[in-house]
PDB file of N, CA and C in Angstrom:
ATOM      1  N   MET A   1     111.277  35.166 -59.105  1.00  0.00           N
ATOM      2  CA  MET A   1     110.133  34.332 -58.790  1.00  0.00           C
ATOM      3  C   MET A   1     108.953  35.226 -58.427  1.00  0.00           C
ATOM      4  N   GLU A   2     107.822  34.936 -58.986  1.00  0.00           N
ATOM      5  CA  GLU A   2     106.642  35.769 -58.790  1.00  0.00           C
ATOM      6  C   GLU A   2     105.903  35.353 -57.521  1.00  0.00           C
ATOM      7  N   ALA A   3     105.441  36.341 -56.769  1.00  0.00           N
ATOM      8  CA  ALA A   3     104.717  36.066 -55.538  1.00  0.00           C
ATOM      9  C   ALA A   3     103.328  35.521 -55.854  1.00  0.00           C
ATOM     10  N   PRO A   4     102.829  34.602 -55.047  1.00  0.00           N
ATOM     11  CA  PRO A   4     101.481  34.078 -55.287  1.00  0.00           C
ATOM     12  C   PRO A   4     100.426  35.134 -54.992  1.00  0.00           C
ATOM     13  N   VAL A   5      99.334  35.052 -55.708  1.00  0.00           N
ATOM     14  CA  VAL A   5      98.227  35.988 -55.515  1.00  0.00           C
ATOM     15  C   VAL A   5      97.413  35.512 -54.323  1.00  0.00           C
ATOM     16  N   THR A   6      97.299  36.361 -53.333  1.00  0.00           N
ATOM     17  CA  THR A   6      96.546  36.020 -52.135  1.00  0.00           C
ATOM     18  C   THR A   6      95.276  36.853 -52.064  1.00  0.00           C
ATOM     19  N   GLY A   7      94.457  36.559 -51.084  1.00  0.00           N
ATOM     20  CA  GLY A   7      93.232  37.337 -50.882  1.00  0.00           C
ATOM     21  C   GLY A   7      93.531  38.790 -50.585  1.00  0.00           C
ATOM     22  N   ARG A   8      94.613  39.025 -49.837  1.00  0.00           N
ATOM     23  CA  ARG A   8      94.985  40.405 -49.501  1.00  0.00           C
ATOM     24  C   ARG A   8      95.413  41.164 -50.753  1.00  0.00           C
ATOM     25  N   THR A   9      96.151  40.503 -51.637  1.00  0.00           N
ATOM     26  CA  THR A   9      96.584  41.149 -52.867  1.00  0.00           C
ATOM     27  C   THR A   9      95.394  41.506 -53.741  1.00  0.00           C
ATOM     28  N   LYS A  10      94.414  40.625 -53.800  1.00  0.00           N
ATOM     29  CA  LYS A  10      93.226  40.906 -54.596  1.00  0.00           C
ATOM     30  C   LYS A  10      92.464  42.094 -54.018  1.00  0.00           C
ATOM     31  N   ARG A  11      92.375  42.159 -52.690  1.00  0.00           N
ATOM     32  CA  ARG A  11      91.679  43.285 -52.064  1.00  0.00           C
ATOM     33  C   ARG A  11      92.415  44.588 -52.315  1.00  0.00           C
ATOM     34  N   MET A  12      93.743  44.553 -52.281  1.00  0.00           N
ATOM     35  CA  MET A  12      94.539  45.757 -52.497  1.00  0.00           C
ATOM     36  C   MET A  12      94.383  46.262 -53.932  1.00  0.00           C
ATOM     37  N   ALA A  13      94.097  45.373 -54.858  1.00  0.00           N
ATOM     38  CA  ALA A  13      93.912  45.792 -56.238  1.00  0.00           C
ATOM     39  C   ALA A  13      92.635  46.615 -56.394  1.00  0.00           C
ATOM     40  N   PHE A  14      91.641  46.346 -55.574  1.00  0.00           N
ATOM     41  CA  PHE A  14      90.376  47.068 -55.658  1.00  0.00           C
ATOM     42  C   PHE A  14      90.292  48.237 -54.674  1.00  0.00           C
ATOM     43  N   ALA A  15      91.308  48.438 -53.860  1.00  0.00           N
ATOM     44  CA  ALA A  15      91.289  49.512 -52.862  1.00  0.00           C
ATOM     45  C   ALA A  15      91.137  50.897 -53.479  1.00  0.00           C
ATOM     46  N   PRO A  16      91.784  51.218 -54.607  1.00  0.00           N
ATOM     47  CA  PRO A  16      91.608  52.562 -55.170  1.00  0.00           C
ATOM     48  C   PRO A  16      90.193  52.835 -55.672  1.00  0.00           C
ATOM     49  N   LEU A  17      89.417  51.804 -55.875  1.00  0.00           N
ATOM     50  CA  LEU A  17      88.052  52.013 -56.368  1.00  0.00           C
ATOM     51  C   LEU A  17      87.121  52.544 -55.279  1.00  0.00           C
ATOM     52  N   LEU A  18      87.438  52.291 -54.014  1.00  0.00           N
ATOM     53  CA  LEU A  18      86.573  52.730 -52.923  1.00  0.00           C
ATOM     54  C   LEU A  18      86.395  54.249 -52.897  1.00  0.00           C
ATOM     55  N   PRO A  19      87.469  55.045 -52.930  1.00  0.00           N
ATOM     56  CA  PRO A  19      87.238  56.502 -52.960  1.00  0.00           C
ATOM     57  C   PRO A  19      86.484  56.958 -54.204  1.00  0.00           C
ATOM     58  N   LEU A  20      86.725  56.284 -55.311  1.00  0.00           N
ATOM     59  CA  LEU A  20      86.022  56.641 -56.541  1.00  0.00           C
ATOM     60  C   LEU A  20      84.531  56.382 -56.405  1.00  0.00           C
ATOM     61  N   VAL A  21      84.172  55.262 -55.830  1.00  0.00           N
ATOM     62  CA  VAL A  21      82.759  54.927 -55.622  1.00  0.00           C
ATOM     63  C   VAL A  21      82.119  55.897 -54.636  1.00  0.00           C
ATOM     64  N   CYS A  22      82.862  56.284 -53.609  1.00  0.00           N
ATOM     65  CA  CYS A  22      82.326  57.229 -52.618  1.00  0.00           C
ATOM     66  C   CYS A  22      82.178  58.638 -53.188  1.00  0.00           C
ATOM     67  N   ALA A  23      83.010  58.997 -54.153  1.00  0.00           N
ATOM     68  CA  ALA A  23      82.963  60.352 -54.727  1.00  0.00           C
ATOM     69  C   ALA A  23      81.953  60.479 -55.849  1.00  0.00           C
ATOM     70  N   PHE A  24      81.525  59.374 -56.421  1.00  0.00           N
ATOM     71  CA  PHE A  24      80.643  59.444 -57.585  1.00  0.00           C
ATOM     72  C   PHE A  24      79.267  60.049 -57.280  1.00  0.00           C
ATOM     73  N   PRO A  25      78.550  59.626 -56.234  1.00  0.00           N
ATOM     74  CA  PRO A  25      77.227  60.233 -55.975  1.00  0.00           C
ATOM     75  C   PRO A  25      77.258  61.739 -55.705  1.00  0.00           C
ATOM     76  N   PRO A  26      78.201  62.249 -54.873  1.00  0.00           N
ATOM     77  CA  PRO A  26      78.222  63.710 -54.715  1.00  0.00           C
ATOM     78  C   PRO A  26      78.573  64.450 -56.007  1.00  0.00           C
ATOM     79  N   PHE A  27      79.416  63.825 -56.831  1.00  0.00           N
ATOM     80  CA  PHE A  27      79.762  64.446 -58.111  1.00  0.00           C
ATOM     81  C   PHE A  27      78.524  64.560 -58.996  1.00  0.00           C
ATOM     82  N   ILE A  28      77.749  63.500 -59.091  1.00  0.00           N
ATOM     83  CA  ILE A  28      76.531  63.518 -59.908  1.00  0.00           C
ATOM     84  C   ILE A  28      75.544  64.535 -59.339  1.00  0.00           C
ATOM     85  N   ASN A  29      75.437  64.606 -58.017  1.00  0.00           N
ATOM     86  CA  ASN A  29      74.528  65.539 -57.371  1.00  0.00           C
ATOM     87  C   ASN A  29      74.952  66.991 -57.622  1.00  0.00           C
ATOM     88  N   SER A  30      76.262  67.242 -57.715  1.00  0.00           N
ATOM     89  CA  SER A  30      76.736  68.616 -57.892  1.00  0.00           C
ATOM     90  C   SER A  30      76.565  69.126 -59.318  1.00  0.00           C
ATOM     91  N   LEU A  31      76.277  68.249 -60.256  1.00  0.00           N
ATOM     92  CA  LEU A  31      76.119  68.699 -61.641  1.00  0.00           C
ATOM     93  C   LEU A  31      74.920  69.624 -61.821  1.00  0.00           C
ATOM     94  N   ASP A  32      73.918  69.501 -60.963  1.00  0.00           N
ATOM     95  CA  ASP A  32      72.743  70.360 -61.047  1.00  0.00           C
ATOM     96  C   ASP A  32      72.884  71.659 -60.246  1.00  0.00           C
ATOM     97  N   ASN A  33      74.000  71.850 -59.609  1.00  0.00           N
ATOM     98  CA  ASN A  33      74.226  73.034 -58.790  1.00  0.00           C
ATOM     99  C   ASN A  33      74.330  74.269 -59.694  1.00  0.00           C
ATOM    100  N   PRO A  34      73.495  75.298 -59.467  1.00  0.00           N
ATOM    101  CA  PRO A  34      73.541  76.487 -60.331  1.00  0.00           C
ATOM    102  C   PRO A  34      74.864  77.251 -60.217  1.00  0.00           C
ATOM    103  N   HIS A  35      75.538  77.147 -59.092  1.00  0.00           N
ATOM    104  CA  HIS A  35      76.825  77.833 -58.940  1.00  0.00           C
ATOM    105  C   HIS A  35      77.880  77.223 -59.867  1.00  0.00           C
ATOM    106  N   LEU A  36      77.802  75.923 -60.082  1.00  0.00           N
ATOM    107  CA  LEU A  36      78.776  75.266 -60.948  1.00  0.00           C
ATOM    108  C   LEU A  36      78.483  75.480 -62.427  1.00  0.00           C
ATOM    109  N   LYS A  37      77.246  75.786 -62.757  1.00  0.00           N
ATOM    110  CA  LYS A  37      76.914  76.011 -64.163  1.00  0.00           C
ATOM    111  C   LYS A  37      77.556  77.287 -64.688  1.00  0.00           C
ATOM    112  N   GLY A  38      77.889  78.223 -63.800  1.00  0.00           N
ATOM    113  CA  GLY A  38      78.518  79.463 -64.215  1.00  0.00           C
ATOM    114  C   GLY A  38      80.021  79.360 -64.391  1.00  0.00           C
ATOM    115  N   LEU A  39      80.602  78.215 -64.073  1.00  0.00           N
ATOM    116  CA  LEU A  39      82.048  78.057 -64.218  1.00  0.00           C
ATOM    117  C   LEU A  39      82.429  77.981 -65.695  1.00  0.00           C
ATOM    118  N   ARG A  40      83.544  78.587 -66.013  1.00  0.00           N
ATOM    119  CA  ARG A  40      84.053  78.506 -67.378  1.00  0.00           C
ATOM    120  C   ARG A  40      85.021  77.334 -67.479  1.00  0.00           C
ATOM    121  N   GLY A  41      85.380  76.981 -68.681  1.00  0.00           N
ATOM    122  CA  GLY A  41      86.290  75.867 -68.929  1.00  0.00           C
ATOM    123  C   GLY A  41      87.616  75.965 -68.194  1.00  0.00           C
ATOM    124  N   PRO A  42      88.290  77.131 -68.237  1.00  0.00           N
ATOM    125  CA  PRO A  42      89.565  77.246 -67.515  1.00  0.00           C
ATOM    126  C   PRO A  42      89.424  77.052 -66.002  1.00  0.00           C
ATOM    127  N   ASP A  43      88.278  77.483 -65.448  1.00  0.00           N
ATOM    128  CA  ASP A  43      88.049  77.292 -64.019  1.00  0.00           C
ATOM    129  C   ASP A  43      87.951  75.803 -63.682  1.00  0.00           C
ATOM    130  N   VAL A  44      87.227  75.074 -64.514  1.00  0.00           N
ATOM    131  CA  VAL A  44      87.071  73.637 -64.303  1.00  0.00           C
ATOM    132  C   VAL A  44      88.415  72.941 -64.443  1.00  0.00           C
ATOM    133  N   LEU A  45      89.182  73.323 -65.449  1.00  0.00           N
ATOM    134  CA  LEU A  45      90.494  72.724 -65.662  1.00  0.00           C
ATOM    135  C   LEU A  45      91.420  72.996 -64.483  1.00  0.00           C
ATOM    136  N   GLN A  46      91.353  74.190 -63.930  1.00  0.00           N
ATOM    137  CA  GLN A  46      92.168  74.532 -62.773  1.00  0.00           C
ATOM    138  C   GLN A  46      91.773  73.688 -61.568  1.00  0.00           C
ATOM    139  N   LEU A  47      90.472  73.513 -61.342  1.00  0.00           N
ATOM    140  CA  LEU A  47      90.032  72.678 -60.221  1.00  0.00           C
ATOM    141  C   LEU A  47      90.467  71.229 -60.394  1.00  0.00           C
ATOM    142  N   ILE A  48      90.403  70.714 -61.607  1.00  0.00           N
ATOM    143  CA  ILE A  48      90.842  69.342 -61.873  1.00  0.00           C
ATOM    144  C   ILE A  48      92.344  69.217 -61.617  1.00  0.00           C
ATOM    145  N   ALA A  49      93.120  70.204 -62.073  1.00  0.00           N
ATOM    146  CA  ALA A  49      94.570  70.162 -61.870  1.00  0.00           C
ATOM    147  C   ALA A  49      94.925  70.218 -60.390  1.00  0.00           C
ATOM    148  N   ILE A  50      94.239  71.055 -59.638  1.00  0.00           N
ATOM    149  CA  ILE A  50      94.493  71.147 -58.196  1.00  0.00           C
ATOM    150  C   ILE A  50      94.158  69.819 -57.525  1.00  0.00           C
ATOM    151  N   GLY A  51      93.014  69.246 -57.870  1.00  0.00           N
ATOM    152  CA  GLY A  51      92.635  67.969 -57.288  1.00  0.00           C
ATOM    153  C   GLY A  51      93.611  66.863 -57.634  1.00  0.00           C
ATOM    154  N   PHE A  52      94.102  66.857 -58.867  1.00  0.00           N
ATOM    155  CA  PHE A  52      95.076  65.849 -59.272  1.00  0.00           C
ATOM    156  C   PHE A  52      96.369  65.997 -58.480  1.00  0.00           C
ATOM    157  N   CYS A  53      96.848  67.219 -58.339  1.00  0.00           N
ATOM    158  CA  CYS A  53      98.102  67.445 -57.620  1.00  0.00           C
ATOM    159  C   CYS A  53      97.984  67.079 -56.143  1.00  0.00           C
ATOM    160  N   VAL A  54      96.887  67.472 -55.521  1.00  0.00           N
ATOM    161  CA  VAL A  54      96.687  67.132 -54.115  1.00  0.00           C
ATOM    162  C   VAL A  54      96.538  65.615 -53.956  1.00  0.00           C
ATOM    163  N   GLY A  55      95.788  64.983 -54.849  1.00  0.00           N
ATOM    164  CA  GLY A  55      95.619  63.541 -54.780  1.00  0.00           C
ATOM    165  C   GLY A  55      96.913  62.787 -55.011  1.00  0.00           C
ATOM    166  N   ALA A  56      97.721  63.253 -55.958  1.00  0.00           N
ATOM    167  CA  ALA A  56      99.003  62.605 -56.217  1.00  0.00           C
ATOM    168  C   ALA A  56      99.939  62.756 -55.022  1.00  0.00           C
ATOM    169  N   ALA A  57      99.970  63.932 -54.430  1.00  0.00           N
ATOM    170  CA  ALA A  57     100.820  64.148 -53.254  1.00  0.00           C
ATOM    171  C   ALA A  57     100.367  63.272 -52.093  1.00  0.00           C
ATOM    172  N   PHE A  58      99.069  63.200 -51.878  1.00  0.00           N
ATOM    173  CA  PHE A  58      98.551  62.348 -50.803  1.00  0.00           C
ATOM    174  C   PHE A  58      98.860  60.878 -51.081  1.00  0.00           C
ATOM    175  N   GLY A  59      98.704  60.462 -52.341  1.00  0.00           N
ATOM    176  CA  GLY A  59      99.002  59.076 -52.696  1.00  0.00           C
ATOM    177  C   GLY A  59     100.466  58.734 -52.506  1.00  0.00           C
ATOM    178  N   MET A  60     101.362  59.657 -52.889  1.00  0.00           N
ATOM    179  CA  MET A  60     102.793  59.404 -52.694  1.00  0.00           C
ATOM    180  C   MET A  60     103.145  59.377 -51.209  1.00  0.00           C
ATOM    181  N   PHE A  61     102.518  60.251 -50.440  1.00  0.00           N
ATOM    182  CA  PHE A  61     102.759  60.243 -48.997  1.00  0.00           C
ATOM    183  C   PHE A  61     102.321  58.922 -48.381  1.00  0.00           C
ATOM    184  N   MET A  62     101.130  58.477 -48.744  1.00  0.00           N
ATOM    185  CA  MET A  62     100.625  57.226 -48.182  1.00  0.00           C
ATOM    186  C   MET A  62     101.440  56.026 -48.660  1.00  0.00           C
ATOM    187  N   ALA A  63     101.848  56.022 -49.932  1.00  0.00           N
ATOM    188  CA  ALA A  63     102.661  54.919 -50.437  1.00  0.00           C
ATOM    189  C   ALA A  63     104.003  54.876 -49.714  1.00  0.00           C
ATOM    190  N   GLY A  64     104.602  56.022 -49.476  1.00  0.00           N
ATOM    191  CA  GLY A  64     105.865  56.058 -48.750  1.00  0.00           C
ATOM    192  C   GLY A  64     105.698  55.641 -47.300  1.00  0.00           C
ATOM    193  N   TYR A  65     104.630  56.095 -46.678  1.00  0.00           N
ATOM    194  CA  TYR A  65     104.401  55.759 -45.277  1.00  0.00           C
ATOM    195  C   TYR A  65     104.086  54.278 -45.116  1.00  0.00           C
ATOM    196  N   VAL A  66     103.193  53.769 -45.908  1.00  0.00           N
ATOM    197  CA  VAL A  66     102.797  52.362 -45.816  1.00  0.00           C
ATOM    198  C   VAL A  66     103.938  51.480 -46.296  1.00  0.00           C
ATOM    199  N   GLY A  67     104.626  51.861 -47.378  1.00  0.00           N
ATOM    200  CA  GLY A  67     105.741  51.071 -47.884  1.00  0.00           C
ATOM    201  C   GLY A  67     106.878  50.984 -46.895  1.00  0.00           C
ATOM    202  N   ARG A  68     107.191  52.076 -46.224  1.00  0.00           N
ATOM    203  CA  ARG A  68     108.246  52.081 -45.217  1.00  0.00           C
ATOM    204  C   ARG A  68     107.843  51.221 -44.033  1.00  0.00           C
ATOM    205  N   ARG A  69     106.566  51.249 -43.715  1.00  0.00           N
ATOM    206  CA  ARG A  69     106.087  50.507 -42.558  1.00  0.00           C
ATOM    207  C   ARG A  69     106.087  49.001 -42.825  1.00  0.00           C
ATOM    208  N   ARG A  70     105.770  48.588 -44.044  1.00  0.00           N
ATOM    209  CA  ARG A  70     105.729  47.164 -44.382  1.00  0.00           C
ATOM    210  C   ARG A  70     107.104  46.553 -44.498  1.00  0.00           C
ATOM    211  N   SER A  71     108.107  47.328 -44.893  1.00  0.00           N
ATOM    212  CA  SER A  71     109.423  46.764 -45.154  1.00  0.00           C
ATOM    213  C   SER A  71     110.138  46.342 -43.871  1.00  0.00           C
ATOM    214  N   THR A  72     109.691  46.792 -42.717  1.00  0.00           N
ATOM    215  CA  THR A  72     110.365  46.404 -41.477  1.00  0.00           C
ATOM    216  C   THR A  72     109.763  45.187 -40.865  1.00  0.00           C
TER     217      THR A  72
END
């Protein structure tokens, strides 16, 4: 049986967008930074990979912490 969609469920669906919205203006602002213009492709790829790994680890930690907390 499928759970009914509540206001809380709808809000939780949009929760991941908040960090993305908060990160977008500084990202756009950093594109004009002369220090970043000197980065090569492999450097950028390495930074993206590091950010992905740290973000995934943080997301799994939070999902485990919040999931464990809700189940009780």
